[in-house]
Amino acid sequence: MTPLGIALVVFAYLFGSIPTGVILSGYFGKIDIRKEGSGNIGATNVYRTLGKTLGALTLLGDVLKGMIPVIIAIWLLKSEGWIGLTALSAFIGHIYPVFLKFKGGKGIATTLGVFVIIVPWAILLAFLAFAGTVYKWRYVSLGSMVAAVSLPIWIILLSYSNIYTIYSIIIACLVVYRHKENIQRLIKGEESKMGGE
């Protein structure tokens, strides 16, 4: 344990806790996105509620919340253990943000951000799994879960560090847990499809 590593993990959590969707929807859309649509603070709900531009900006912001702490960890610590812990901390910050009483998003964009730097080819394959699932069934939530669950498999197959495999499994489990309401709606046939019915 190093003081720098601990400080960076704390920074990653706080940085990940910044509620991009809430800030953008409040400033530009004059609404509380938590009270609109699905109530989620992520890019999908912002897109459906306020349009493509704010949806894209929310997506970008949530991705950067993961990327920036990981880039700093690679630059300062150069330790796979600390890099992985920093990535997990940024992700936890997004789904359980201290600034929103620990009620955050579902973590897909931030997962992309934390892993695109350290396992880029695995992320590409996970994105293809996401795109294929959404193209076939038009459920963003289903595609997101498929991507998250497939990520550890791609990391293993591409022979990335076992440490990243462990953290990706933890994140995949949390992503699926955060989608529990979507899973219930999918089972009942009530989940919203991309582009509407």
N, C-alpha and C. Protein backbone atom coordinates (compact mmCIF):
# COMPACT_ATOMS: atom_id res chain seq x y z
N MET A 1 0.85 -1.20 0.00
CA MET A 1 0.00 0.00 0.00
C MET A 1 0.88 1.25 0.00
N THR A 2 0.65 2.10 -0.93
CA THR A 2 1.38 3.35 -1.00
C THR A 2 0.42 4.52 -0.83
N PRO A 3 0.88 5.59 -0.19
CA PRO A 3 0.00 6.77 -0.04
C PRO A 3 -0.50 7.29 -1.39
N LEU A 4 0.37 7.27 -2.40
CA LEU A 4 -0.03 7.75 -3.73
C LEU A 4 -1.12 6.86 -4.31
N GLY A 5 -0.96 5.56 -4.15
CA GLY A 5 -1.97 4.63 -4.66
C GLY A 5 -3.31 4.83 -3.97
N ILE A 6 -3.28 4.98 -2.66
CA ILE A 6 -4.52 5.19 -1.90
C ILE A 6 -5.18 6.50 -2.32
N ALA A 7 -4.38 7.54 -2.47
CA ALA A 7 -4.91 8.84 -2.87
C ALA A 7 -5.55 8.76 -4.25
N LEU A 8 -4.93 8.01 -5.15
CA LEU A 8 -5.45 7.89 -6.51
C LEU A 8 -6.76 7.11 -6.54
N VAL A 9 -6.86 6.08 -5.71
CA VAL A 9 -8.09 5.30 -5.62
C VAL A 9 -9.24 6.17 -5.09
N VAL A 10 -8.94 6.98 -4.09
CA VAL A 10 -9.96 7.90 -3.55
C VAL A 10 -10.35 8.92 -4.61
N PHE A 11 -9.35 9.48 -5.32
CA PHE A 11 -9.63 10.42 -6.40
C PHE A 11 -10.51 9.78 -7.46
N ALA A 12 -10.19 8.53 -7.83
CA ALA A 12 -10.96 7.84 -8.87
C ALA A 12 -12.42 7.69 -8.46
N TYR A 13 -12.63 7.36 -7.19
CA TYR A 13 -14.01 7.22 -6.70
C TYR A 13 -14.75 8.56 -6.78
N LEU A 14 -14.13 9.62 -6.30
CA LEU A 14 -14.77 10.93 -6.31
C LEU A 14 -15.00 11.43 -7.73
N PHE A 15 -14.02 11.19 -8.59
CA PHE A 15 -14.14 11.62 -9.99
C PHE A 15 -15.25 10.81 -10.68
N GLY A 16 -15.30 9.52 -10.39
CA GLY A 16 -16.36 8.69 -10.95
C GLY A 16 -17.73 9.06 -10.43
N SER A 17 -17.78 9.68 -9.26
CA SER A 17 -19.05 10.07 -8.64
C SER A 17 -19.69 11.30 -9.27
N ILE A 18 -18.94 12.03 -10.09
CA ILE A 18 -19.50 13.23 -10.72
C ILE A 18 -20.67 12.82 -11.60
N PRO A 19 -21.89 13.30 -11.33
CA PRO A 19 -23.08 12.85 -12.06
C PRO A 19 -23.28 13.60 -13.37
N THR A 20 -22.58 13.18 -14.39
CA THR A 20 -22.59 13.87 -15.67
C THR A 20 -24.01 14.11 -16.18
N GLY A 21 -24.82 13.06 -16.20
CA GLY A 21 -26.17 13.18 -16.73
C GLY A 21 -27.03 14.16 -15.94
N VAL A 22 -26.90 14.14 -14.62
CA VAL A 22 -27.68 15.05 -13.77
C VAL A 22 -27.25 16.50 -14.03
N ILE A 23 -25.95 16.72 -14.12
CA ILE A 23 -25.44 18.08 -14.34
C ILE A 23 -25.89 18.62 -15.70
N LEU A 24 -25.69 17.83 -16.75
CA LEU A 24 -26.03 18.29 -18.10
C LEU A 24 -27.53 18.48 -18.29
N SER A 25 -28.32 17.54 -17.77
CA SER A 25 -29.77 17.65 -17.93
C SER A 25 -30.32 18.82 -17.11
N GLY A 26 -29.71 19.06 -15.96
CA GLY A 26 -30.16 20.18 -15.13
C GLY A 26 -29.79 21.52 -15.73
N TYR A 27 -28.57 21.63 -16.25
CA TYR A 27 -28.09 22.91 -16.78
C TYR A 27 -28.70 23.24 -18.13
N PHE A 28 -28.69 22.26 -19.03
CA PHE A 28 -29.15 22.53 -20.39
C PHE A 28 -30.62 22.18 -20.61
N GLY A 29 -31.09 21.13 -19.92
CA GLY A 29 -32.47 20.71 -20.13
C GLY A 29 -33.44 21.23 -19.09
N LYS A 30 -32.90 21.82 -18.01
CA LYS A 30 -33.71 22.38 -16.93
C LYS A 30 -34.62 21.33 -16.29
N ILE A 31 -34.14 20.09 -16.23
CA ILE A 31 -34.91 19.04 -15.57
C ILE A 31 -33.99 18.22 -14.69
N ASP A 32 -34.59 17.44 -13.79
CA ASP A 32 -33.86 16.46 -13.01
C ASP A 32 -34.06 15.12 -13.70
N ILE A 33 -33.03 14.62 -14.36
CA ILE A 33 -33.15 13.41 -15.16
C ILE A 33 -33.56 12.22 -14.31
N ARG A 34 -33.33 12.28 -13.00
CA ARG A 34 -33.71 11.19 -12.11
C ARG A 34 -35.22 11.07 -11.98
N LYS A 35 -35.95 12.11 -12.41
CA LYS A 35 -37.42 12.11 -12.32
C LYS A 35 -38.07 11.98 -13.69
N GLU A 36 -37.27 11.67 -14.69
CA GLU A 36 -37.78 11.57 -16.05
C GLU A 36 -37.45 10.22 -16.66
N GLY A 37 -38.27 9.76 -17.56
CA GLY A 37 -38.01 8.50 -18.26
C GLY A 37 -37.85 7.33 -17.31
N SER A 38 -36.74 6.62 -17.46
CA SER A 38 -36.47 5.47 -16.59
C SER A 38 -35.97 5.88 -15.21
N GLY A 39 -35.58 7.16 -15.08
CA GLY A 39 -35.04 7.64 -13.81
C GLY A 39 -33.55 7.42 -13.67
N ASN A 40 -32.95 6.78 -14.66
CA ASN A 40 -31.51 6.53 -14.62
C ASN A 40 -30.75 7.77 -15.05
N ILE A 41 -29.53 7.94 -14.53
CA ILE A 41 -28.75 9.15 -14.83
C ILE A 41 -27.83 8.97 -16.03
N GLY A 42 -27.87 7.80 -16.66
CA GLY A 42 -26.95 7.51 -17.75
C GLY A 42 -27.35 8.07 -19.10
N ALA A 43 -26.49 7.81 -20.08
CA ALA A 43 -26.65 8.39 -21.41
C ALA A 43 -27.92 7.94 -22.11
N THR A 44 -28.33 6.69 -21.92
CA THR A 44 -29.52 6.20 -22.62
C THR A 44 -30.76 6.97 -22.22
N ASN A 45 -30.95 7.19 -20.92
CA ASN A 45 -32.12 7.93 -20.46
C ASN A 45 -32.04 9.40 -20.86
N VAL A 46 -30.85 9.98 -20.80
CA VAL A 46 -30.69 11.37 -21.23
C VAL A 46 -31.00 11.50 -22.71
N TYR A 47 -30.54 10.55 -23.50
CA TYR A 47 -30.80 10.56 -24.95
C TYR A 47 -32.30 10.46 -25.23
N ARG A 48 -32.96 9.54 -24.57
CA ARG A 48 -34.39 9.35 -24.80
C ARG A 48 -35.21 10.55 -24.34
N THR A 49 -34.72 11.21 -23.29
CA THR A 49 -35.48 12.32 -22.70
C THR A 49 -35.16 13.66 -23.34
N LEU A 50 -33.87 13.90 -23.62
CA LEU A 50 -33.45 15.23 -24.05
C LEU A 50 -32.77 15.27 -25.42
N GLY A 51 -32.62 14.13 -26.05
CA GLY A 51 -32.09 14.13 -27.41
C GLY A 51 -30.65 13.68 -27.55
N LYS A 52 -30.23 13.62 -28.82
CA LYS A 52 -28.93 13.04 -29.17
C LYS A 52 -27.74 13.81 -28.59
N THR A 53 -27.78 15.14 -28.65
CA THR A 53 -26.62 15.93 -28.24
C THR A 53 -26.29 15.73 -26.77
N LEU A 54 -27.29 15.92 -25.91
CA LEU A 54 -27.05 15.75 -24.47
C LEU A 54 -26.79 14.29 -24.13
N GLY A 55 -27.41 13.38 -24.86
CA GLY A 55 -27.13 11.97 -24.65
C GLY A 55 -25.68 11.63 -24.96
N ALA A 56 -25.18 12.18 -26.09
CA ALA A 56 -23.79 11.94 -26.49
C ALA A 56 -22.81 12.57 -25.51
N LEU A 57 -23.13 13.77 -25.03
CA LEU A 57 -22.26 14.44 -24.07
C LEU A 57 -22.22 13.69 -22.74
N THR A 58 -23.36 13.16 -22.34
CA THR A 58 -23.40 12.35 -21.12
C THR A 58 -22.55 11.10 -21.28
N LEU A 59 -22.68 10.47 -22.43
CA LEU A 59 -21.87 9.28 -22.71
C LEU A 59 -20.38 9.61 -22.65
N LEU A 60 -19.99 10.70 -23.29
CA LEU A 60 -18.59 11.11 -23.30
C LEU A 60 -18.10 11.40 -21.88
N GLY A 61 -18.90 12.13 -21.12
CA GLY A 61 -18.50 12.45 -19.75
C GLY A 61 -18.33 11.21 -18.89
N ASP A 62 -19.25 10.26 -19.03
CA ASP A 62 -19.17 9.04 -18.22
C ASP A 62 -17.99 8.17 -18.65
N VAL A 63 -17.66 8.17 -19.93
CA VAL A 63 -16.47 7.44 -20.40
C VAL A 63 -15.20 8.07 -19.82
N LEU A 64 -15.12 9.39 -19.88
CA LEU A 64 -13.94 10.10 -19.39
C LEU A 64 -13.75 9.92 -17.89
N LYS A 65 -14.84 9.74 -17.16
CA LYS A 65 -14.73 9.50 -15.71
C LYS A 65 -13.95 8.22 -15.42
N GLY A 66 -14.02 7.28 -16.36
CA GLY A 66 -13.24 6.07 -16.21
C GLY A 66 -11.85 6.18 -16.78
N MET A 67 -11.74 6.82 -17.92
CA MET A 67 -10.45 6.90 -18.62
C MET A 67 -9.41 7.70 -17.85
N ILE A 68 -9.79 8.87 -17.39
CA ILE A 68 -8.81 9.80 -16.80
C ILE A 68 -8.11 9.23 -15.57
N PRO A 69 -8.84 8.68 -14.58
CA PRO A 69 -8.13 8.09 -13.44
C PRO A 69 -7.20 6.94 -13.83
N VAL A 70 -7.63 6.12 -14.81
CA VAL A 70 -6.80 4.99 -15.23
C VAL A 70 -5.54 5.48 -15.94
N ILE A 71 -5.66 6.50 -16.77
CA ILE A 71 -4.49 7.07 -17.43
C ILE A 71 -3.50 7.61 -16.41
N ILE A 72 -4.03 8.29 -15.39
CA ILE A 72 -3.16 8.81 -14.33
C ILE A 72 -2.48 7.68 -13.58
N ALA A 73 -3.23 6.59 -13.31
CA ALA A 73 -2.65 5.44 -12.60
C ALA A 73 -1.54 4.80 -13.42
N ILE A 74 -1.75 4.67 -14.72
CA ILE A 74 -0.71 4.11 -15.58
C ILE A 74 0.53 5.00 -15.58
N TRP A 75 0.31 6.29 -15.61
CA TRP A 75 1.41 7.26 -15.66
C TRP A 75 2.20 7.30 -14.35
N LEU A 76 1.49 7.31 -13.22
CA LEU A 76 2.15 7.51 -11.92
C LEU A 76 2.58 6.21 -11.23
N LEU A 77 1.79 5.16 -11.37
CA LEU A 77 2.04 3.97 -10.56
C LEU A 77 2.60 2.79 -11.34
N LYS A 78 2.18 2.65 -12.59
CA LYS A 78 2.71 1.58 -13.45
C LYS A 78 2.57 0.19 -12.82
N SER A 79 1.57 0.01 -11.99
CA SER A 79 1.32 -1.26 -11.32
C SER A 79 -0.05 -1.77 -11.73
N GLU A 80 -0.10 -3.00 -12.27
CA GLU A 80 -1.39 -3.53 -12.72
C GLU A 80 -2.38 -3.63 -11.57
N GLY A 81 -1.89 -3.93 -10.37
CA GLY A 81 -2.76 -4.01 -9.22
C GLY A 81 -3.43 -2.69 -8.91
N TRP A 82 -2.63 -1.63 -8.87
CA TRP A 82 -3.17 -0.30 -8.60
C TRP A 82 -4.01 0.22 -9.76
N ILE A 83 -3.61 -0.09 -10.97
CA ILE A 83 -4.39 0.33 -12.14
C ILE A 83 -5.77 -0.32 -12.10
N GLY A 84 -5.81 -1.61 -11.80
CA GLY A 84 -7.08 -2.32 -11.71
C GLY A 84 -7.95 -1.80 -10.58
N LEU A 85 -7.35 -1.52 -9.43
CA LEU A 85 -8.10 -1.00 -8.29
C LEU A 85 -8.62 0.40 -8.58
N THR A 86 -7.83 1.20 -9.28
CA THR A 86 -8.27 2.55 -9.68
C THR A 86 -9.45 2.46 -10.63
N ALA A 87 -9.38 1.53 -11.58
CA ALA A 87 -10.48 1.32 -12.52
C ALA A 87 -11.76 0.94 -11.78
N LEU A 88 -11.65 -0.01 -10.86
CA LEU A 88 -12.81 -0.44 -10.09
C LEU A 88 -13.38 0.71 -9.26
N SER A 89 -12.51 1.51 -8.68
CA SER A 89 -12.95 2.63 -7.84
C SER A 89 -13.72 3.67 -8.64
N ALA A 90 -13.25 3.98 -9.85
CA ALA A 90 -13.97 4.93 -10.71
C ALA A 90 -15.35 4.38 -11.08
N PHE A 91 -15.40 3.09 -11.37
CA PHE A 91 -16.67 2.44 -11.71
C PHE A 91 -17.63 2.49 -10.52
N ILE A 92 -17.13 2.15 -9.32
CA ILE A 92 -17.96 2.19 -8.11
C ILE A 92 -18.47 3.60 -7.87
N GLY A 93 -17.62 4.59 -8.14
CA GLY A 93 -18.05 5.97 -7.98
C GLY A 93 -19.25 6.30 -8.85
N HIS A 94 -19.26 5.76 -10.07
CA HIS A 94 -20.38 6.05 -10.97
C HIS A 94 -21.67 5.38 -10.52
N ILE A 95 -21.59 4.13 -10.09
CA ILE A 95 -22.83 3.43 -9.74
C ILE A 95 -23.30 3.74 -8.31
N TYR A 96 -22.34 4.13 -7.45
CA TYR A 96 -22.69 4.50 -6.07
C TYR A 96 -22.03 5.84 -5.73
N PRO A 97 -22.47 6.92 -6.36
CA PRO A 97 -21.82 8.22 -6.17
C PRO A 97 -22.15 8.89 -4.84
N VAL A 98 -21.12 9.35 -4.17
CA VAL A 98 -21.32 10.01 -2.89
C VAL A 98 -22.14 11.29 -3.06
N PHE A 99 -22.06 11.93 -4.23
CA PHE A 99 -22.76 13.19 -4.45
C PHE A 99 -24.26 13.01 -4.67
N LEU A 100 -24.71 11.78 -4.90
CA LEU A 100 -26.14 11.52 -5.12
C LEU A 100 -26.67 10.50 -4.12
N LYS A 101 -26.10 10.51 -2.92
CA LYS A 101 -26.51 9.59 -1.85
C LYS A 101 -26.40 8.14 -2.30
N PHE A 102 -25.35 7.87 -3.09
CA PHE A 102 -24.99 6.51 -3.53
C PHE A 102 -26.02 5.89 -4.48
N LYS A 103 -26.78 6.73 -5.18
CA LYS A 103 -27.75 6.25 -6.17
C LYS A 103 -27.32 6.76 -7.55
N GLY A 104 -26.57 5.91 -8.26
CA GLY A 104 -26.01 6.35 -9.53
C GLY A 104 -26.50 5.58 -10.73
N GLY A 105 -25.64 5.49 -11.75
CA GLY A 105 -26.00 4.85 -12.99
C GLY A 105 -25.69 3.37 -13.00
N LYS A 106 -25.70 2.80 -14.20
CA LYS A 106 -25.53 1.36 -14.33
C LYS A 106 -24.12 0.97 -14.76
N GLY A 107 -23.31 1.95 -15.13
CA GLY A 107 -21.88 1.72 -15.23
C GLY A 107 -21.31 1.31 -16.58
N ILE A 108 -22.13 1.23 -17.62
CA ILE A 108 -21.63 0.74 -18.90
C ILE A 108 -20.60 1.68 -19.52
N ALA A 109 -20.94 2.97 -19.60
CA ALA A 109 -20.01 3.93 -20.21
C ALA A 109 -18.71 4.04 -19.41
N THR A 110 -18.82 4.03 -18.10
CA THR A 110 -17.62 4.13 -17.27
C THR A 110 -16.78 2.85 -17.37
N THR A 111 -17.44 1.70 -17.53
CA THR A 111 -16.72 0.45 -17.78
C THR A 111 -15.91 0.56 -19.07
N LEU A 112 -16.53 1.10 -20.10
CA LEU A 112 -15.82 1.34 -21.36
C LEU A 112 -14.61 2.22 -21.12
N GLY A 113 -14.80 3.29 -20.36
CA GLY A 113 -13.71 4.22 -20.09
C GLY A 113 -12.54 3.61 -19.35
N VAL A 114 -12.82 2.80 -18.34
CA VAL A 114 -11.72 2.25 -17.54
C VAL A 114 -10.96 1.15 -18.27
N PHE A 115 -11.65 0.43 -19.14
CA PHE A 115 -10.98 -0.71 -19.80
C PHE A 115 -10.45 -0.42 -21.19
N VAL A 116 -10.92 0.63 -21.84
CA VAL A 116 -10.47 0.89 -23.21
C VAL A 116 -8.98 1.20 -23.26
N ILE A 117 -8.43 1.71 -22.17
CA ILE A 117 -7.00 2.02 -22.12
C ILE A 117 -6.16 0.77 -21.84
N ILE A 118 -6.65 -0.10 -20.97
CA ILE A 118 -5.80 -1.22 -20.51
C ILE A 118 -6.05 -2.53 -21.27
N VAL A 119 -7.27 -2.72 -21.81
CA VAL A 119 -7.55 -3.93 -22.60
C VAL A 119 -8.33 -3.55 -23.86
N PRO A 120 -7.74 -2.75 -24.73
CA PRO A 120 -8.48 -2.18 -25.86
C PRO A 120 -9.11 -3.21 -26.80
N TRP A 121 -8.40 -4.30 -27.09
CA TRP A 121 -8.95 -5.28 -28.02
C TRP A 121 -10.11 -6.05 -27.39
N ALA A 122 -10.03 -6.28 -26.10
CA ALA A 122 -11.14 -6.93 -25.40
C ALA A 122 -12.37 -6.04 -25.40
N ILE A 123 -12.15 -4.75 -25.21
CA ILE A 123 -13.26 -3.79 -25.24
C ILE A 123 -13.89 -3.75 -26.63
N LEU A 124 -13.07 -3.80 -27.65
CA LEU A 124 -13.59 -3.80 -29.03
C LEU A 124 -14.51 -5.01 -29.25
N LEU A 125 -14.08 -6.17 -28.81
CA LEU A 125 -14.89 -7.37 -28.97
C LEU A 125 -16.17 -7.29 -28.13
N ALA A 126 -16.06 -6.72 -26.92
CA ALA A 126 -17.25 -6.55 -26.08
C ALA A 126 -18.22 -5.58 -26.75
N PHE A 127 -17.68 -4.54 -27.37
CA PHE A 127 -18.55 -3.58 -28.09
C PHE A 127 -19.25 -4.26 -29.26
N LEU A 128 -18.55 -5.12 -29.98
CA LEU A 128 -19.16 -5.84 -31.09
C LEU A 128 -20.28 -6.75 -30.58
N ALA A 129 -20.07 -7.36 -29.40
CA ALA A 129 -21.11 -8.18 -28.78
C ALA A 129 -22.32 -7.31 -28.44
N PHE A 130 -22.06 -6.12 -27.91
CA PHE A 130 -23.13 -5.17 -27.60
C PHE A 130 -23.89 -4.79 -28.87
N ALA A 131 -23.16 -4.39 -29.89
CA ALA A 131 -23.78 -3.92 -31.13
C ALA A 131 -24.60 -5.03 -31.80
N GLY A 132 -24.05 -6.24 -31.81
CA GLY A 132 -24.76 -7.35 -32.41
C GLY A 132 -26.05 -7.67 -31.66
N THR A 133 -26.00 -7.62 -30.33
CA THR A 133 -27.18 -7.91 -29.52
C THR A 133 -28.25 -6.85 -29.73
N VAL A 134 -27.85 -5.57 -29.72
CA VAL A 134 -28.81 -4.48 -29.91
C VAL A 134 -29.39 -4.53 -31.33
N TYR A 135 -28.56 -4.83 -32.31
CA TYR A 135 -29.04 -4.93 -33.69
C TYR A 135 -30.08 -6.03 -33.84
N LYS A 136 -29.84 -7.16 -33.17
CA LYS A 136 -30.73 -8.32 -33.28
C LYS A 136 -32.03 -8.11 -32.51
N TRP A 137 -31.92 -7.67 -31.24
CA TRP A 137 -33.10 -7.62 -30.40
C TRP A 137 -33.54 -6.20 -30.02
N ARG A 138 -32.70 -5.20 -30.28
CA ARG A 138 -33.03 -3.78 -30.06
C ARG A 138 -33.19 -3.40 -28.59
N TYR A 139 -32.61 -4.18 -27.70
CA TYR A 139 -32.62 -3.85 -26.28
C TYR A 139 -31.23 -3.37 -25.86
N VAL A 140 -31.11 -2.09 -25.52
CA VAL A 140 -29.82 -1.55 -25.09
C VAL A 140 -29.38 -2.20 -23.79
N SER A 141 -30.32 -2.43 -22.89
CA SER A 141 -29.99 -3.03 -21.60
C SER A 141 -29.43 -4.44 -21.79
N LEU A 142 -30.04 -5.22 -22.66
CA LEU A 142 -29.56 -6.58 -22.91
C LEU A 142 -28.16 -6.55 -23.54
N GLY A 143 -27.98 -5.65 -24.51
CA GLY A 143 -26.67 -5.50 -25.13
C GLY A 143 -25.60 -5.11 -24.13
N SER A 144 -25.96 -4.23 -23.21
CA SER A 144 -25.02 -3.78 -22.18
C SER A 144 -24.59 -4.93 -21.29
N MET A 145 -25.53 -5.74 -20.88
CA MET A 145 -25.20 -6.88 -20.02
C MET A 145 -24.37 -7.92 -20.77
N VAL A 146 -24.73 -8.18 -22.02
CA VAL A 146 -23.95 -9.13 -22.82
C VAL A 146 -22.51 -8.65 -22.96
N ALA A 147 -22.34 -7.36 -23.22
CA ALA A 147 -20.99 -6.80 -23.35
C ALA A 147 -20.20 -6.95 -22.06
N ALA A 148 -20.83 -6.60 -20.93
CA ALA A 148 -20.14 -6.66 -19.64
C ALA A 148 -19.76 -8.09 -19.27
N VAL A 149 -20.67 -9.03 -19.49
CA VAL A 149 -20.41 -10.43 -19.14
C VAL A 149 -19.37 -11.05 -20.07
N SER A 150 -19.36 -10.61 -21.33
CA SER A 150 -18.39 -11.17 -22.28
C SER A 150 -16.99 -10.62 -22.09
N LEU A 151 -16.87 -9.44 -21.48
CA LEU A 151 -15.56 -8.79 -21.35
C LEU A 151 -14.51 -9.67 -20.65
N PRO A 152 -14.82 -10.29 -19.49
CA PRO A 152 -13.79 -11.15 -18.88
C PRO A 152 -13.36 -12.30 -19.80
N ILE A 153 -14.28 -12.79 -20.60
CA ILE A 153 -13.95 -13.89 -21.52
C ILE A 153 -12.94 -13.41 -22.56
N TRP A 154 -13.18 -12.22 -23.11
CA TRP A 154 -12.25 -11.68 -24.11
C TRP A 154 -10.89 -11.39 -23.48
N ILE A 155 -10.90 -10.89 -22.25
CA ILE A 155 -9.63 -10.61 -21.56
C ILE A 155 -8.82 -11.88 -21.39
N ILE A 156 -9.50 -12.96 -21.03
CA ILE A 156 -8.82 -14.25 -20.86
C ILE A 156 -8.30 -14.76 -22.21
N LEU A 157 -9.15 -14.75 -23.22
CA LEU A 157 -8.77 -15.28 -24.53
C LEU A 157 -7.63 -14.50 -25.17
N LEU A 158 -7.55 -13.21 -24.87
CA LEU A 158 -6.50 -12.37 -25.44
C LEU A 158 -5.27 -12.30 -24.54
N SER A 159 -5.29 -13.06 -23.46
CA SER A 159 -4.13 -13.21 -22.57
C SER A 159 -3.69 -11.90 -21.90
N TYR A 160 -4.65 -11.07 -21.55
CA TYR A 160 -4.33 -9.91 -20.74
C TYR A 160 -4.08 -10.37 -19.29
N SER A 161 -3.69 -9.46 -18.45
CA SER A 161 -3.35 -9.77 -17.07
C SER A 161 -4.53 -10.41 -16.32
N ASN A 162 -4.20 -11.41 -15.48
CA ASN A 162 -5.22 -12.03 -14.64
C ASN A 162 -5.87 -11.03 -13.68
N ILE A 163 -5.11 -10.02 -13.32
CA ILE A 163 -5.64 -8.99 -12.43
C ILE A 163 -6.82 -8.28 -13.09
N TYR A 164 -6.66 -7.97 -14.38
CA TYR A 164 -7.74 -7.30 -15.11
C TYR A 164 -8.94 -8.23 -15.28
N THR A 165 -8.67 -9.53 -15.39
CA THR A 165 -9.77 -10.50 -15.46
C THR A 165 -10.60 -10.46 -14.19
N ILE A 166 -9.92 -10.45 -13.05
CA ILE A 166 -10.62 -10.43 -11.76
C ILE A 166 -11.49 -9.18 -11.62
N TYR A 167 -10.91 -8.02 -11.94
CA TYR A 167 -11.68 -6.78 -11.80
C TYR A 167 -12.82 -6.72 -12.81
N SER A 168 -12.61 -7.27 -14.00
CA SER A 168 -13.68 -7.25 -15.00
C SER A 168 -14.84 -8.16 -14.59
N ILE A 169 -14.54 -9.25 -13.90
CA ILE A 169 -15.59 -10.13 -13.40
C ILE A 169 -16.41 -9.43 -12.32
N ILE A 170 -15.72 -8.74 -11.41
CA ILE A 170 -16.42 -7.97 -10.37
C ILE A 170 -17.33 -6.93 -11.00
N ILE A 171 -16.81 -6.21 -11.97
CA ILE A 171 -17.59 -5.16 -12.63
C ILE A 171 -18.75 -5.75 -13.40
N ALA A 172 -18.55 -6.88 -14.08
CA ALA A 172 -19.63 -7.52 -14.82
C ALA A 172 -20.77 -7.92 -13.88
N CYS A 173 -20.42 -8.48 -12.73
CA CYS A 173 -21.44 -8.86 -11.75
C CYS A 173 -22.24 -7.65 -11.27
N LEU A 174 -21.53 -6.55 -11.03
CA LEU A 174 -22.21 -5.33 -10.57
C LEU A 174 -23.08 -4.73 -11.67
N VAL A 175 -22.61 -4.79 -12.91
CA VAL A 175 -23.41 -4.29 -14.04
C VAL A 175 -24.72 -5.07 -14.14
N VAL A 176 -24.64 -6.40 -14.07
CA VAL A 176 -25.85 -7.21 -14.14
C VAL A 176 -26.77 -6.90 -12.96
N TYR A 177 -26.19 -6.76 -11.77
CA TYR A 177 -27.00 -6.42 -10.59
C TYR A 177 -27.70 -5.09 -10.76
N ARG A 178 -27.00 -4.10 -11.32
CA ARG A 178 -27.59 -2.78 -11.52
C ARG A 178 -28.68 -2.80 -12.59
N HIS A 179 -28.72 -3.84 -13.39
CA HIS A 179 -29.75 -3.98 -14.42
C HIS A 179 -30.89 -4.90 -13.96
N LYS A 180 -31.01 -5.15 -12.68
CA LYS A 180 -32.01 -6.11 -12.20
C LYS A 180 -33.44 -5.72 -12.59
N GLU A 181 -33.74 -4.42 -12.58
CA GLU A 181 -35.09 -3.99 -12.98
C GLU A 181 -35.29 -4.19 -14.48
N ASN A 182 -34.22 -3.96 -15.27
CA ASN A 182 -34.31 -4.21 -16.70
C ASN A 182 -34.55 -5.69 -16.98
N ILE A 183 -33.88 -6.54 -16.21
CA ILE A 183 -34.05 -7.99 -16.37
C ILE A 183 -35.51 -8.38 -16.12
N GLN A 184 -36.10 -7.82 -15.09
CA GLN A 184 -37.50 -8.11 -14.79
C GLN A 184 -38.41 -7.66 -15.93
N ARG A 185 -38.12 -6.47 -16.49
CA ARG A 185 -38.94 -5.98 -17.60
C ARG A 185 -38.73 -6.81 -18.87
N LEU A 186 -37.49 -7.28 -19.07
CA LEU A 186 -37.22 -8.14 -20.23
C LEU A 186 -38.01 -9.44 -20.12
N ILE A 187 -38.06 -10.01 -18.94
CA ILE A 187 -38.79 -11.26 -18.72
C ILE A 187 -40.29 -11.05 -18.98
N LYS A 188 -40.80 -9.89 -18.56
CA LYS A 188 -42.22 -9.60 -18.74
C LYS A 188 -42.57 -9.06 -20.13
N GLY A 189 -41.52 -8.78 -20.94
CA GLY A 189 -41.76 -8.21 -22.26
C GLY A 189 -42.11 -6.74 -22.23
N GLU A 190 -41.70 -6.04 -21.16
CA GLU A 190 -42.05 -4.64 -20.98
C GLU A 190 -40.90 -3.69 -21.17
N GLU A 191 -39.70 -4.20 -21.51
CA GLU A 191 -38.52 -3.35 -21.67
C GLU A 191 -38.62 -2.53 -22.95
N SER A 192 -38.19 -1.26 -22.87
CA SER A 192 -38.22 -0.38 -24.03
C SER A 192 -37.16 -0.81 -25.04
N LYS A 193 -37.54 -0.78 -26.30
CA LYS A 193 -36.60 -1.10 -27.37
C LYS A 193 -36.01 0.16 -27.97
N MET A 194 -34.83 0.05 -28.53
CA MET A 194 -34.21 1.17 -29.21
C MET A 194 -35.07 1.54 -30.42
N GLY A 195 -35.40 2.84 -30.52
CA GLY A 195 -36.20 3.29 -31.65
C GLY A 195 -37.70 3.11 -31.44
N GLY A 196 -38.06 2.61 -30.24
CA GLY A 196 -39.48 2.41 -29.96
C GLY A 196 -40.00 1.14 -30.59
N GLU A 197 -41.27 0.88 -30.35
CA GLU A 197 -41.89 -0.35 -30.87
C GLU A 197 -42.18 -0.21 -32.37
